[in-house]
């Protein structure tokens, strides 16, 4: 699939003033505000599919659905599902059957894994395995997702998963919330972890909008792509 025809990929994350998404011990991720969560809901409402790493799902067990009733109603009025589906990237395929994602019926779940995987007994959600390589070929994954009708892809991390998409050169937009807190720590996770991006794929971005609410800044960037 050519870049022109592939799905649109956008990332959304909140960071501290020192560029962290959690403390070094992985605590303290809840530093953003109610306003940030409201805006995150609007970003989710844009998506057909949310992609998250298994570690993020295991550690935080977050609700991935769109919460705002007006946003879900607008999606349904446009002929879309009330909330995006979810794709979990997992090397092992081992996910706790008690996770919230398996106990809901709002969205279907794709588990993208090179390992064997079956839906947990008693899961209420519709669950399917999506075979991938290890490490995952992100461009091939996007081709598979586009073939399933997912054209707007929201990547919600964590830092290792975000890095995979930046390394593949497929991130088109970034929504970033800058939060007025400092966590410190050389080992604290950042929005894009991993070994670092080679110069050829380092993302150069154009600021599309900036908004202030209280002590937070909300920024929206477009990534400038060079022909591959």
Protein backbone atom coordinates (compact mmCIF):
# COMPACT_ATOMS: atom_id res chain seq x y z
CA UNK A 1 0.00 0.00 0.00
CA UNK A 2 1.40 3.39 -0.90
CA UNK A 3 1.69 6.13 1.70
CA UNK A 4 -0.97 8.09 -0.15
CA UNK A 5 -3.48 5.28 0.27
CA UNK A 6 -2.65 4.03 3.76
CA UNK A 7 -4.61 4.81 6.90
CA UNK A 8 -4.00 8.07 8.75
CA UNK A 9 -2.08 7.57 12.00
CA UNK A 10 -2.15 10.02 14.89
CA UNK A 11 -0.68 9.83 18.40
CA UNK A 12 -2.08 11.36 21.56
CA UNK A 13 -0.20 11.72 24.84
CA UNK A 14 0.25 13.99 27.85
CA UNK A 15 3.77 14.85 29.02
CA UNK A 16 5.32 16.63 31.96
CA UNK A 17 7.50 19.72 31.63
CA UNK A 18 10.53 17.41 31.63
CA UNK A 19 9.12 15.19 28.90
CA UNK A 20 7.93 12.18 30.94
CA UNK A 21 4.71 10.20 30.67
CA UNK A 22 5.12 8.54 34.10
CA UNK A 23 7.60 8.39 36.96
CA UNK A 24 10.60 6.06 36.88
CA UNK A 25 8.67 3.51 39.00
CA UNK A 26 5.78 3.81 36.51
CA UNK A 27 3.61 5.61 39.07
CA UNK A 28 2.17 9.10 38.79
CA UNK A 29 0.77 8.85 35.26
CA UNK A 30 -2.45 10.57 36.34
CA UNK A 31 -1.06 14.09 36.25
CA UNK A 32 -3.31 15.50 33.52
CA UNK A 33 -6.56 17.32 34.12
CA UNK A 34 -10.24 16.81 33.48
CA UNK A 35 -9.88 19.15 30.50
CA UNK A 36 -7.16 16.93 29.04
CA UNK A 37 -9.39 13.88 29.45
CA UNK A 38 -12.22 15.74 27.72
CA UNK A 39 -9.99 16.55 24.77
CA UNK A 40 -8.65 13.00 24.68
CA UNK A 41 -12.25 11.86 24.30
CA UNK A 42 -12.63 14.10 21.24
CA UNK A 43 -9.43 12.71 19.71
CA UNK A 44 -10.68 9.17 20.32
CA UNK A 45 -13.97 10.06 18.68
CA UNK A 46 -12.07 10.81 15.48
CA UNK A 47 -10.58 7.31 15.33
CA UNK A 48 -11.83 4.07 13.79
CA UNK A 49 -9.33 2.09 15.86
CA UNK A 50 -7.14 2.64 18.92
CA UNK A 51 -3.77 0.86 19.09
CA UNK A 52 -2.14 0.25 22.46
CA UNK A 53 0.64 -1.96 23.77
CA UNK A 54 -0.08 -4.92 26.01
CA UNK A 55 2.03 -3.42 28.82
CA UNK A 56 -0.10 -0.27 28.85
CA UNK A 57 -3.26 -2.38 28.95
CA UNK A 58 -1.92 -4.63 31.72
CA UNK A 59 -0.53 -1.83 33.89
CA UNK A 60 -3.29 0.75 33.64
CA UNK A 61 -6.31 -1.39 32.61
CA UNK A 62 -7.85 1.79 31.18
CA UNK A 63 -11.29 2.21 29.60
CA UNK A 64 -10.65 2.78 25.90
CA UNK A 65 -14.13 3.84 24.87
CA UNK A 66 -15.43 7.32 24.01
CA UNK A 67 -17.25 8.52 27.11
CA UNK A 68 -19.07 11.65 25.94
CA UNK A 69 -22.65 10.86 24.91
CA UNK A 70 -22.75 13.69 22.36
CA UNK A 71 -19.61 12.36 20.67
CA UNK A 72 -20.90 8.80 20.52
CA UNK A 73 -24.24 10.03 19.17
CA UNK A 74 -22.46 12.03 16.46
CA UNK A 75 -20.46 8.95 15.45
CA UNK A 76 -23.59 6.85 15.20
CA UNK A 77 -25.39 9.55 13.23
CA UNK A 78 -22.51 9.41 10.74
CA UNK A 79 -22.96 5.64 10.37
CA UNK A 80 -20.02 4.71 12.57
CA UNK A 81 -19.81 2.60 15.71
CA UNK A 82 -20.36 4.48 18.96
CA UNK A 83 -16.70 4.08 19.94
CA UNK A 84 -13.52 2.91 18.15
CA UNK A 85 -12.36 -0.70 18.18
CA UNK A 86 -9.13 -1.63 19.98
CA UNK A 87 -5.96 -3.31 18.71
CA UNK A 88 -3.55 -4.59 21.40
CA UNK A 89 0.06 -5.26 20.35
CA UNK A 90 1.43 -8.17 22.38
CA UNK A 91 4.61 -10.20 21.89
CA UNK A 92 3.47 -13.00 24.18
CA UNK A 93 -0.28 -13.03 23.60
CA UNK A 94 -0.71 -13.34 27.37
CA UNK A 95 -3.41 -11.02 28.65
CA UNK A 96 -5.25 -11.29 31.95
CA UNK A 97 -8.82 -12.47 31.23
CA UNK A 98 -10.04 -10.15 34.00
CA UNK A 99 -8.97 -7.00 32.12
CA UNK A 100 -11.72 -4.46 31.52
CA UNK A 101 -11.31 -4.73 27.76
CA UNK A 102 -12.66 -8.28 27.85
CA UNK A 103 -15.62 -7.42 30.10
CA UNK A 104 -17.19 -4.76 27.86
CA UNK A 105 -19.30 -4.97 24.70
CA UNK A 106 -18.80 -1.45 23.30
CA UNK A 107 -16.00 -2.35 20.88
CA UNK A 108 -14.29 -5.38 19.35
CA UNK A 109 -10.70 -6.27 20.14
CA UNK A 110 -7.90 -7.32 17.83
CA UNK A 111 -4.89 -8.87 19.57
CA UNK A 112 -1.93 -8.42 17.21
CA UNK A 113 0.60 -11.04 18.27
CA UNK A 114 3.11 -13.49 16.79
CA UNK A 115 2.10 -15.95 19.53
CA UNK A 116 -0.96 -18.14 19.76
CA UNK A 117 -4.00 -16.47 21.26
CA UNK A 118 -7.63 -17.31 21.89
CA UNK A 119 -10.29 -15.19 23.49
CA UNK A 120 -10.46 -15.74 27.27
CA UNK A 121 -13.33 -17.92 28.49
CA UNK A 122 -16.24 -15.75 29.51
CA UNK A 123 -15.09 -12.72 27.52
CA UNK A 124 -18.03 -10.47 26.68
CA UNK A 125 -16.18 -8.58 23.96
CA UNK A 126 -15.76 -9.80 20.41
CA UNK A 127 -12.09 -10.80 20.26
CA UNK A 128 -9.93 -11.91 17.33
CA UNK A 129 -6.22 -12.61 16.79
CA UNK A 130 -4.34 -10.62 14.16
CA UNK A 131 -1.05 -12.39 13.26
CA UNK A 132 2.05 -10.16 13.18
CA UNK A 133 5.79 -10.68 13.02
CA UNK A 134 8.20 -10.02 15.88
CA UNK A 135 9.16 -7.24 15.84
CA UNK A 136 5.92 -6.17 14.18
CA UNK A 137 6.06 -4.85 10.63
CA UNK A 138 4.04 -1.69 11.23
CA UNK A 139 3.51 -0.88 7.56
CA UNK A 140 2.17 -4.38 6.94
CA UNK A 141 -0.02 -4.06 10.04
CA UNK A 142 -1.50 -0.84 8.66
CA UNK A 143 -2.21 -2.59 5.38
CA UNK A 144 -4.09 -5.31 7.27
CA UNK A 145 -6.03 -2.77 9.29
CA UNK A 146 -6.95 -0.71 6.23
CA UNK A 147 -8.23 -3.89 4.57
CA UNK A 148 -10.53 -4.31 7.56
CA UNK A 149 -11.89 -0.80 7.09
CA UNK A 150 -9.83 1.04 9.72
CA UNK A 151 -8.77 4.31 8.08
CA UNK A 152 -8.21 6.57 11.11
CA UNK A 153 -5.76 4.98 13.57
CA UNK A 154 -5.08 6.46 17.01
CA UNK A 155 -1.92 5.20 18.74
CA UNK A 156 -2.10 5.51 22.54
CA UNK A 157 1.27 4.06 23.50
CA UNK A 158 3.11 3.42 25.56
CA UNK A 159 6.47 4.76 24.56
CA UNK A 160 7.71 1.53 22.95
CA UNK A 161 4.63 1.20 20.77
CA UNK A 162 4.77 4.88 19.78
CA UNK A 163 8.42 4.33 18.82
CA UNK A 164 7.48 1.48 16.47
CA UNK A 165 5.15 3.77 14.53
CA UNK A 166 7.66 6.64 14.40
CA UNK A 167 10.43 4.25 13.32
CA UNK A 168 8.19 3.06 10.48
CA UNK A 169 7.69 6.68 9.40
CA UNK A 170 3.90 6.41 9.44
CA UNK A 171 2.84 8.91 12.13
CA UNK A 172 0.95 11.76 10.45
CA UNK A 173 -0.18 13.87 13.41
CA UNK A 174 0.55 14.31 17.11
CA UNK A 175 -1.79 15.62 19.80
CA UNK A 176 0.27 16.62 22.84
CA UNK A 177 -0.76 17.98 26.23
CA UNK A 178 1.98 19.76 28.16
CA UNK A 179 1.28 19.45 31.88
CA UNK A 180 2.69 21.70 34.66
CA UNK A 181 4.53 19.03 36.66
CA UNK A 182 8.11 17.73 36.82
CA UNK A 183 8.78 14.05 37.60
CA UNK A 184 12.49 13.67 36.86
CA UNK A 185 14.40 10.42 36.54
CA UNK A 186 16.66 9.19 33.75
CA UNK A 187 14.71 5.92 33.62
CA UNK A 188 11.27 7.54 33.55
CA UNK A 189 9.34 6.61 30.37
CA UNK A 190 8.94 9.14 27.59
CA UNK A 191 6.32 9.32 24.83
CA UNK A 192 8.74 7.72 22.33
CA UNK A 193 11.12 5.21 23.91
CA UNK A 194 13.18 2.47 22.30
CA UNK A 195 16.72 2.75 20.98
CA UNK A 196 16.17 6.17 19.40
CA UNK A 197 15.16 7.19 15.91
CA UNK A 198 17.75 7.12 13.11
CA UNK A 199 18.22 10.51 11.50
CA UNK A 200 16.45 9.37 8.33
CA UNK A 201 13.16 8.80 10.17
CA UNK A 202 13.26 11.52 12.81
CA UNK A 203 9.92 13.27 12.72
CA UNK A 204 9.92 16.94 11.72
CA UNK A 205 6.62 18.53 12.62
CA UNK A 206 4.56 21.62 11.83
CA UNK A 207 2.47 23.20 14.56
CA UNK A 208 -1.17 23.28 13.48
CA UNK A 209 -2.72 24.67 16.64
CA UNK A 210 -1.97 25.56 20.25
CA UNK A 211 -4.51 26.21 22.98
CA UNK A 212 -4.19 27.02 26.66
CA UNK A 213 -6.57 25.90 29.39
CA UNK A 214 -5.52 26.73 32.91
CA UNK A 215 -1.86 25.77 33.27
CA UNK A 216 -1.88 23.21 30.46
CA UNK A 217 -1.02 23.66 26.80
CA UNK A 218 -2.71 21.60 24.10
CA UNK A 219 -0.70 21.26 20.90
CA UNK A 220 -1.54 19.64 17.58
CA UNK A 221 1.25 18.91 15.10
CA UNK A 222 1.38 17.59 11.55
CA UNK A 223 4.37 15.43 10.67
CA UNK A 224 6.25 16.42 7.52
CA UNK A 225 6.86 13.27 5.47
CA UNK A 226 9.65 12.85 2.95
CA UNK A 227 9.25 10.39 0.05
CA UNK A 228 10.48 6.88 0.90
